[in-house]
């Protein structure tokens, strides 16, 4: 049974207060409030600074048992150390897993140990790279940016109509037009994505989708709309599990 996880890239945007978060809600309560509306979040802050294990533990204790964190690896590791010292980062992140297993009677969710790569240079979109990703069941991130960043769908002369899928799950990041993080997707655009997600789901693929267009709360609005569209599509289906571990 396939699962779909839809949320936003981060939750600590000050301009969301009054738009999404109540004006009088303390920032310390934002994640708890977010967790009442969404089942997943992509953690962007880990890319910019290193977090203590206690931080991950506190996050895990704040959200429901079935909540999923998609953690972005530190740029210190990806850009400077070239994937060295990855072990320390993973040990810190393991606090999320330990807490989840404790709440679910030590059942490790299948969302653990999933890795996705987002490439920003055209040279990475090559069959030799896809082969490596498939070998390790690692996803090739679909970066929706209005063609600002390259994608597998535009990488070959044949212009394939569909993105290359390299794992048993799909990972989408919505950056907004031109990768600006400042534009809102239309209902028409989101309906198109809902149809694509439906097709992936029929293939038995889990789907993770995160909106990074945080300006003016567009990410919140678009995520809610996409969730609503998918609910409408699968209303008659008996094999759909929305953001729940199987």
C-alpha atoms as a PDB file:
ATOM      1  CA  UNK A   1       0.000   0.000   0.000  1.00  0.00           C
ATOM      2  CA  UNK A   2       1.531   3.299  -1.047  1.00  0.00           C
ATOM      3  CA  UNK A   3       1.760   6.374   1.153  1.00  0.00           C
ATOM      4  CA  UNK A   4       1.752  10.060   0.318  1.00  0.00           C
ATOM      5  CA  UNK A   5       3.475  12.676   2.472  1.00  0.00           C
ATOM      6  CA  UNK A   6       2.841  16.344   1.704  1.00  0.00           C
ATOM      7  CA  UNK A   7       4.179  19.276   3.704  1.00  0.00           C
ATOM      8  CA  UNK A   8       6.417  22.313   3.574  1.00  0.00           C
ATOM      9  CA  UNK A   9      10.162  22.925   3.593  1.00  0.00           C
ATOM     10  CA  UNK A  10      10.566  24.247   7.112  1.00  0.00           C
ATOM     11  CA  UNK A  11       8.108  25.656   9.628  1.00  0.00           C
ATOM     12  CA  UNK A  12       9.842  28.620  11.355  1.00  0.00           C
ATOM     13  CA  UNK A  13       8.990  31.444   8.962  1.00  0.00           C
ATOM     14  CA  UNK A  14       8.067  34.604  10.856  1.00  0.00           C
ATOM     15  CA  UNK A  15       5.730  35.877   8.142  1.00  0.00           C
ATOM     16  CA  UNK A  16       3.557  32.786   8.667  1.00  0.00           C
ATOM     17  CA  UNK A  17       2.441  34.153  12.020  1.00  0.00           C
ATOM     18  CA  UNK A  18      -1.006  35.559  11.455  1.00  0.00           C
ATOM     19  CA  UNK A  19      -1.261  33.739   8.117  1.00  0.00           C
ATOM     20  CA  UNK A  20      -0.983  30.190   9.460  1.00  0.00           C
ATOM     21  CA  UNK A  21       0.105  30.363  13.077  1.00  0.00           C
ATOM     22  CA  UNK A  22      -2.111  32.328  15.481  1.00  0.00           C
ATOM     23  CA  UNK A  23      -0.645  35.757  16.222  1.00  0.00           C
ATOM     24  CA  UNK A  24      -0.371  35.053  19.939  1.00  0.00           C
ATOM     25  CA  UNK A  25       1.237  31.604  19.560  1.00  0.00           C
ATOM     26  CA  UNK A  26       4.797  31.337  20.883  1.00  0.00           C
ATOM     27  CA  UNK A  27       7.359  30.213  18.305  1.00  0.00           C
ATOM     28  CA  UNK A  28       8.220  27.314  20.602  1.00  0.00           C
ATOM     29  CA  UNK A  29       4.725  25.966  19.888  1.00  0.00           C
ATOM     30  CA  UNK A  30       4.896  26.309  16.118  1.00  0.00           C
ATOM     31  CA  UNK A  31       6.040  22.752  15.367  1.00  0.00           C
ATOM     32  CA  UNK A  32       3.337  21.302  17.594  1.00  0.00           C
ATOM     33  CA  UNK A  33       0.743  23.428  15.779  1.00  0.00           C
ATOM     34  CA  UNK A  34       2.173  22.488  12.386  1.00  0.00           C
ATOM     35  CA  UNK A  35       1.956  18.812  13.327  1.00  0.00           C
ATOM     36  CA  UNK A  36      -1.794  19.138  13.793  1.00  0.00           C
ATOM     37  CA  UNK A  37      -2.199  20.172  10.159  1.00  0.00           C
ATOM     38  CA  UNK A  38       0.454  18.159   8.313  1.00  0.00           C
ATOM     39  CA  UNK A  39       1.983  14.699   8.687  1.00  0.00           C
ATOM     40  CA  UNK A  40       5.462  15.627   7.471  1.00  0.00           C
ATOM     41  CA  UNK A  41       7.969  18.449   7.164  1.00  0.00           C
ATOM     42  CA  UNK A  42      11.251  18.888   5.361  1.00  0.00           C
ATOM     43  CA  UNK A  43      13.918  20.262   7.695  1.00  0.00           C
ATOM     44  CA  UNK A  44      15.878  22.978   5.897  1.00  0.00           C
ATOM     45  CA  UNK A  45      17.654  24.407   8.936  1.00  0.00           C
ATOM     46  CA  UNK A  46      19.970  21.389   9.195  1.00  0.00           C
ATOM     47  CA  UNK A  47      21.520  22.420   5.871  1.00  0.00           C
ATOM     48  CA  UNK A  48      22.670  25.771   7.259  1.00  0.00           C
ATOM     49  CA  UNK A  49      23.763  24.874  10.776  1.00  0.00           C
ATOM     50  CA  UNK A  50      24.581  21.826  12.866  1.00  0.00           C
ATOM     51  CA  UNK A  51      21.963  20.732  15.359  1.00  0.00           C
ATOM     52  CA  UNK A  52      22.528  19.118  18.733  1.00  0.00           C
ATOM     53  CA  UNK A  53      21.046  15.660  19.370  1.00  0.00           C
ATOM     54  CA  UNK A  54      18.756  17.252  21.960  1.00  0.00           C
ATOM     55  CA  UNK A  55      17.214  19.403  19.242  1.00  0.00           C
ATOM     56  CA  UNK A  56      16.181  16.363  17.207  1.00  0.00           C
ATOM     57  CA  UNK A  57      14.861  14.699  20.355  1.00  0.00           C
ATOM     58  CA  UNK A  58      12.748  17.731  21.210  1.00  0.00           C
ATOM     59  CA  UNK A  59      11.317  17.846  17.692  1.00  0.00           C
ATOM     60  CA  UNK A  60      10.368  14.174  17.834  1.00  0.00           C
ATOM     61  CA  UNK A  61       8.656  14.606  21.190  1.00  0.00           C
ATOM     62  CA  UNK A  62       6.600  17.516  19.865  1.00  0.00           C
ATOM     63  CA  UNK A  63       4.796  15.806  16.978  1.00  0.00           C
ATOM     64  CA  UNK A  64       2.451  12.802  16.629  1.00  0.00           C
ATOM     65  CA  UNK A  65       3.816   9.272  16.339  1.00  0.00           C
ATOM     66  CA  UNK A  66       3.227   8.979  12.598  1.00  0.00           C
ATOM     67  CA  UNK A  67       4.880  12.301  11.749  1.00  0.00           C
ATOM     68  CA  UNK A  68       7.755  12.129   9.247  1.00  0.00           C
ATOM     69  CA  UNK A  69      10.816  14.403   9.210  1.00  0.00           C
ATOM     70  CA  UNK A  70      12.758  14.687   5.946  1.00  0.00           C
ATOM     71  CA  UNK A  71      16.133  16.015   7.089  1.00  0.00           C
ATOM     72  CA  UNK A  72      18.405  17.924   4.739  1.00  0.00           C
ATOM     73  CA  UNK A  73      22.088  17.066   5.121  1.00  0.00           C
ATOM     74  CA  UNK A  74      24.391  19.861   6.277  1.00  0.00           C
ATOM     75  CA  UNK A  75      26.113  21.872   3.542  1.00  0.00           C
ATOM     76  CA  UNK A  76      29.301  21.465   5.588  1.00  0.00           C
ATOM     77  CA  UNK A  77      29.129  17.781   4.643  1.00  0.00           C
ATOM     78  CA  UNK A  78      27.797  18.054   1.074  1.00  0.00           C
ATOM     79  CA  UNK A  79      29.720  21.107  -0.122  1.00  0.00           C
ATOM     80  CA  UNK A  80      32.897  21.279   1.961  1.00  0.00           C
ATOM     81  CA  UNK A  81      33.749  17.824   3.300  1.00  0.00           C
ATOM     82  CA  UNK A  82      32.404  15.986   0.227  1.00  0.00           C
ATOM     83  CA  UNK A  83      30.317  13.549   2.293  1.00  0.00           C
ATOM     84  CA  UNK A  84      32.976  13.031   4.951  1.00  0.00           C
ATOM     85  CA  UNK A  85      31.898  13.125   8.617  1.00  0.00           C
ATOM     86  CA  UNK A  86      28.443  11.982   7.628  1.00  0.00           C
ATOM     87  CA  UNK A  87      28.348   9.548  10.552  1.00  0.00           C
ATOM     88  CA  UNK A  88      28.107  12.287  13.196  1.00  0.00           C
ATOM     89  CA  UNK A  89      25.197  13.879  11.387  1.00  0.00           C
ATOM     90  CA  UNK A  90      23.344  10.572  11.137  1.00  0.00           C
ATOM     91  CA  UNK A  91      23.924   9.805  14.814  1.00  0.00           C
ATOM     92  CA  UNK A  92      22.344  13.124  15.745  1.00  0.00           C
ATOM     93  CA  UNK A  93      19.394  12.501  13.421  1.00  0.00           C
ATOM     94  CA  UNK A  94      18.881   9.058  14.948  1.00  0.00           C
ATOM     95  CA  UNK A  95      17.126  10.737  17.868  1.00  0.00           C
ATOM     96  CA  UNK A  96      14.133  11.085  15.557  1.00  0.00           C
ATOM     97  CA  UNK A  97      14.188   7.351  14.830  1.00  0.00           C
ATOM     98  CA  UNK A  98      14.698   6.273  18.442  1.00  0.00           C
ATOM     99  CA  UNK A  99      11.727   8.325  19.575  1.00  0.00           C
ATOM    100  CA  UNK A 100       9.541   7.067  16.731  1.00  0.00           C
ATOM    101  CA  UNK A 101      10.385   3.432  17.489  1.00  0.00           C
ATOM    102  CA  UNK A 102       9.725   3.963  21.184  1.00  0.00           C
ATOM    103  CA  UNK A 103       6.252   5.314  20.471  1.00  0.00           C
ATOM    104  CA  UNK A 104       5.459   2.582  17.948  1.00  0.00           C
ATOM    105  CA  UNK A 105       6.623  -0.392  20.060  1.00  0.00           C
ATOM    106  CA  UNK A 106      10.053  -0.562  18.389  1.00  0.00           C
ATOM    107  CA  UNK A 107       8.592  -0.924  14.906  1.00  0.00           C
ATOM    108  CA  UNK A 108      10.966   0.895  12.590  1.00  0.00           C
ATOM    109  CA  UNK A 109       8.930   2.728   9.939  1.00  0.00           C
ATOM    110  CA  UNK A 110       9.831   2.139   6.326  1.00  0.00           C
ATOM    111  CA  UNK A 111      10.405   5.871   5.963  1.00  0.00           C
ATOM    112  CA  UNK A 112      13.766   5.362   7.706  1.00  0.00           C
ATOM    113  CA  UNK A 113      16.952   5.015   5.640  1.00  0.00           C
ATOM    114  CA  UNK A 114      15.501   6.633   2.554  1.00  0.00           C
ATOM    115  CA  UNK A 115      17.862   8.982   0.748  1.00  0.00           C
ATOM    116  CA  UNK A 116      17.160  11.481  -2.028  1.00  0.00           C
ATOM    117  CA  UNK A 117      19.604  13.528  -4.101  1.00  0.00           C
ATOM    118  CA  UNK A 118      18.831  16.919  -5.633  1.00  0.00           C
ATOM    119  CA  UNK A 119      21.248  17.836  -8.418  1.00  0.00           C
ATOM    120  CA  UNK A 120      21.640  21.416  -9.619  1.00  0.00           C
ATOM    121  CA  UNK A 121      23.967  20.757 -12.548  1.00  0.00           C
ATOM    122  CA  UNK A 122      22.890  19.209 -15.845  1.00  0.00           C
ATOM    123  CA  UNK A 123      25.881  16.863 -15.954  1.00  0.00           C
ATOM    124  CA  UNK A 124      24.434  14.724 -13.146  1.00  0.00           C
ATOM    125  CA  UNK A 125      21.378  13.786 -15.187  1.00  0.00           C
ATOM    126  CA  UNK A 126      22.945  10.793 -16.847  1.00  0.00           C
ATOM    127  CA  UNK A 127      22.076   7.104 -17.051  1.00  0.00           C
ATOM    128  CA  UNK A 128      25.314   6.146 -15.291  1.00  0.00           C
ATOM    129  CA  UNK A 129      24.179   8.182 -12.263  1.00  0.00           C
ATOM    130  CA  UNK A 130      20.658   6.753 -12.427  1.00  0.00           C
ATOM    131  CA  UNK A 131      22.150   3.258 -12.323  1.00  0.00           C
ATOM    132  CA  UNK A 132      23.969   4.024  -9.063  1.00  0.00           C
ATOM    133  CA  UNK A 133      20.863   5.553  -7.515  1.00  0.00           C
ATOM    134  CA  UNK A 134      18.780   2.502  -8.463  1.00  0.00           C
ATOM    135  CA  UNK A 135      21.388   0.191  -6.963  1.00  0.00           C
ATOM    136  CA  UNK A 136      20.980   1.844  -3.566  1.00  0.00           C
ATOM    137  CA  UNK A 137      17.259   2.646  -3.863  1.00  0.00           C
ATOM    138  CA  UNK A 138      18.038   6.362  -3.670  1.00  0.00           C
ATOM    139  CA  UNK A 139      15.617   8.839  -5.193  1.00  0.00           C
ATOM    140  CA  UNK A 140      16.426  11.484  -7.767  1.00  0.00           C
ATOM    141  CA  UNK A 141      14.687  14.610  -6.470  1.00  0.00           C
ATOM    142  CA  UNK A 142      12.180  16.217  -8.804  1.00  0.00           C
ATOM    143  CA  UNK A 143      12.903  19.931  -8.383  1.00  0.00           C
ATOM    144  CA  UNK A 144       9.944  21.952  -9.652  1.00  0.00           C
ATOM    145  CA  UNK A 145      11.293  25.418 -10.424  1.00  0.00           C
ATOM    146  CA  UNK A 146       9.795  26.404 -13.757  1.00  0.00           C
ATOM    147  CA  UNK A 147      12.873  25.086 -15.632  1.00  0.00           C
ATOM    148  CA  UNK A 148      15.194  27.292 -13.554  1.00  0.00           C
ATOM    149  CA  UNK A 149      17.089  24.191 -12.422  1.00  0.00           C
ATOM    150  CA  UNK A 150      17.661  21.142 -14.649  1.00  0.00           C
ATOM    151  CA  UNK A 151      15.587  17.986 -14.400  1.00  0.00           C
ATOM    152  CA  UNK A 152      15.749  14.454 -15.732  1.00  0.00           C
ATOM    153  CA  UNK A 153      12.745  15.204 -17.970  1.00  0.00           C
ATOM    154  CA  UNK A 154      14.837  17.747 -19.884  1.00  0.00           C
ATOM    155  CA  UNK A 155      18.182  15.992 -19.741  1.00  0.00           C
ATOM    156  CA  UNK A 156      18.124  14.017 -22.979  1.00  0.00           C
ATOM    157  CA  UNK A 157      17.567  14.911 -26.596  1.00  0.00           C
ATOM    158  CA  UNK A 158      14.495  12.701 -26.608  1.00  0.00           C
ATOM    159  CA  UNK A 159      12.851  14.943 -24.007  1.00  0.00           C
ATOM    160  CA  UNK A 160      11.083  12.200 -22.022  1.00  0.00           C
ATOM    161  CA  UNK A 161       7.643  13.257 -20.833  1.00  0.00           C
ATOM    162  CA  UNK A 162       8.133  11.790 -17.371  1.00  0.00           C
ATOM    163  CA  UNK A 163      10.789  12.227 -14.728  1.00  0.00           C
ATOM    164  CA  UNK A 164      13.255   9.410 -14.121  1.00  0.00           C
ATOM    165  CA  UNK A 165      12.335   7.342 -11.051  1.00  0.00           C
ATOM    166  CA  UNK A 166      15.230   5.518  -9.378  1.00  0.00           C
ATOM    167  CA  UNK A 167      13.720   4.226  -6.113  1.00  0.00           C
ATOM    168  CA  UNK A 168      10.570   2.778  -4.599  1.00  0.00           C
ATOM    169  CA  UNK A 169       9.539   6.309  -3.659  1.00  0.00           C
ATOM    170  CA  UNK A 170       9.293   9.717  -5.340  1.00  0.00           C
ATOM    171  CA  UNK A 171      10.596  12.949  -3.801  1.00  0.00           C
ATOM    172  CA  UNK A 172       9.365  16.330  -5.081  1.00  0.00           C
ATOM    173  CA  UNK A 173      10.489  19.826  -4.051  1.00  0.00           C
ATOM    174  CA  UNK A 174       8.377  22.794  -5.175  1.00  0.00           C
ATOM    175  CA  UNK A 175      10.634  25.870  -5.317  1.00  0.00           C
ATOM    176  CA  UNK A 176       8.314  28.246  -7.142  1.00  0.00           C
ATOM    177  CA  UNK A 177       8.737  29.863 -10.547  1.00  0.00           C
ATOM    178  CA  UNK A 178      12.388  30.535 -11.317  1.00  0.00           C
ATOM    179  CA  UNK A 179      13.444  28.904  -8.063  1.00  0.00           C
ATOM    180  CA  UNK A 180      12.480  32.142  -6.316  1.00  0.00           C
ATOM    181  CA  UNK A 181      10.530  30.586  -3.413  1.00  0.00           C
ATOM    182  CA  UNK A 182       8.158  33.539  -3.857  1.00  0.00           C
ATOM    183  CA  UNK A 183       5.476  32.431  -6.315  1.00  0.00           C
ATOM    184  CA  UNK A 184       2.240  30.566  -5.733  1.00  0.00           C
ATOM    185  CA  UNK A 185       1.229  27.542  -7.788  1.00  0.00           C
ATOM    186  CA  UNK A 186      -2.167  27.718  -9.464  1.00  0.00           C
ATOM    187  CA  UNK A 187      -4.898  25.156  -8.915  1.00  0.00           C
ATOM    188  CA  UNK A 188      -4.416  24.062 -12.524  1.00  0.00           C
ATOM    189  CA  UNK A 189      -0.726  23.373 -11.928  1.00  0.00           C
ATOM    190  CA  UNK A 190      -1.445  21.482  -8.736  1.00  0.00           C
ATOM    191  CA  UNK A 191      -4.141  19.388 -10.418  1.00  0.00           C
ATOM    192  CA  UNK A 192      -1.528  18.320 -12.946  1.00  0.00           C
ATOM    193  CA  UNK A 193       0.789  17.275 -10.117  1.00  0.00           C
ATOM    194  CA  UNK A 194      -2.051  15.469  -8.346  1.00  0.00           C
ATOM    195  CA  UNK A 195      -2.594  13.423 -11.508  1.00  0.00           C
ATOM    196  CA  UNK A 196       1.096  12.541 -11.672  1.00  0.00           C
ATOM    197  CA  UNK A 197       1.112  11.534  -8.020  1.00  0.00           C
ATOM    198  CA  UNK A 198      -1.926   9.346  -8.650  1.00  0.00           C
ATOM    199  CA  UNK A 199      -0.048   7.528 -11.432  1.00  0.00           C
ATOM    200  CA  UNK A 200       2.998   6.979  -9.225  1.00  0.00           C
ATOM    201  CA  UNK A 201       0.742   5.687  -6.489  1.00  0.00           C
ATOM    202  CA  UNK A 202      -0.795   3.162  -8.865  1.00  0.00           C
ATOM    203  CA  UNK A 203       2.730   1.874  -9.442  1.00  0.00           C
ATOM    204  CA  UNK A 204       3.066   1.278  -5.700  1.00  0.00           C
ATOM    205  CA  UNK A 205       5.441   4.184  -5.123  1.00  0.00           C
ATOM    206  CA  UNK A 206       5.389   6.279  -1.967  1.00  0.00           C
ATOM    207  CA  UNK A 207       5.455  10.013  -2.671  1.00  0.00           C
ATOM    208  CA  UNK A 208       7.018  12.821  -0.636  1.00  0.00           C
ATOM    209  CA  UNK A 209       6.193  16.382  -1.719  1.00  0.00           C
ATOM    210  CA  UNK A 210       7.452  19.545  -0.031  1.00  0.00           C
ATOM    211  CA  UNK A 211       6.673  23.156  -0.871  1.00  0.00           C
ATOM    212  CA  UNK A 212       9.645  25.502  -0.540  1.00  0.00           C
ATOM    213  CA  UNK A 213       7.825  28.645  -1.751  1.00  0.00           C
ATOM    214  CA  UNK A 214       7.599  29.954   1.794  1.00  0.00           C
ATOM    215  CA  UNK A 215       7.037  33.649   1.000  1.00  0.00           C
ATOM    216  CA  UNK A 216       3.630  34.978   2.110  1.00  0.00           C
ATOM    217  CA  UNK A 217       2.592  31.518   3.267  1.00  0.00           C
ATOM    218  CA  UNK A 218       2.274  30.225  -0.305  1.00  0.00           C
ATOM    219  CA  UNK A 219       3.799  26.893   0.755  1.00  0.00           C
ATOM    220  CA  UNK A 220       1.087  26.301   3.344  1.00  0.00           C
ATOM    221  CA  UNK A 221      -1.703  27.188   0.926  1.00  0.00           C
ATOM    222  CA  UNK A 222      -0.311  25.077  -1.912  1.00  0.00           C
ATOM    223  CA  UNK A 223       0.352  22.060   0.330  1.00  0.00           C
ATOM    224  CA  UNK A 224      -3.203  22.127   1.654  1.00  0.00           C
ATOM    225  CA  UNK A 225      -4.593  22.447  -1.869  1.00  0.00           C
ATOM    226  CA  UNK A 226      -2.562  19.499  -3.160  1.00  0.00           C
ATOM    227  CA  UNK A 227      -3.691  17.363  -0.227  1.00  0.00           C
ATOM    228  CA  UNK A 228      -7.308  18.274  -0.951  1.00  0.00           C
ATOM    229  CA  UNK A 229      -6.951  17.458  -4.654  1.00  0.00           C
ATOM    230  CA  UNK A 230      -5.462  14.054  -3.907  1.00  0.00           C
ATOM    231  CA  UNK A 231      -8.171  13.278  -1.373  1.00  0.00           C
ATOM    232  CA  UNK A 232     -10.747  14.019  -4.057  1.00  0.00           C
ATOM    233  CA  UNK A 233      -9.009  11.694  -6.522  1.00  0.00           C
ATOM    234  CA  UNK A 234      -8.865   8.734  -4.175  1.00  0.00           C
ATOM    235  CA  UNK A 235     -12.217   9.158  -2.442  1.00  0.00           C
ATOM    236  CA  UNK A 236     -13.476   5.866  -3.898  1.00  0.00           C
ATOM    237  CA  UNK A 237     -10.228   3.949  -3.443  1.00  0.00           C
ATOM    238  CA  UNK A 238      -9.890   1.356  -0.690  1.00  0.00           C
ATOM    239  CA  UNK A 239      -6.113   0.951  -1.057  1.00  0.00           C
ATOM    240  CA  UNK A 240      -4.982   4.436  -0.171  1.00  0.00           C
ATOM    241  CA  UNK A 241      -3.113   5.374   2.974  1.00  0.00           C
ATOM    242  CA  UNK A 242      -2.475   9.090   3.331  1.00  0.00           C
ATOM    243  CA  UNK A 243       0.735   9.816   5.212  1.00  0.00           C
ATOM    244  CA  UNK A 244       0.615   6.707   7.380  1.00  0.00           C
ATOM    245  CA  UNK A 245       3.269   4.023   7.703  1.00  0.00           C
ATOM    246  CA  UNK A 246       2.222   0.592   6.450  1.00  0.00           C
END
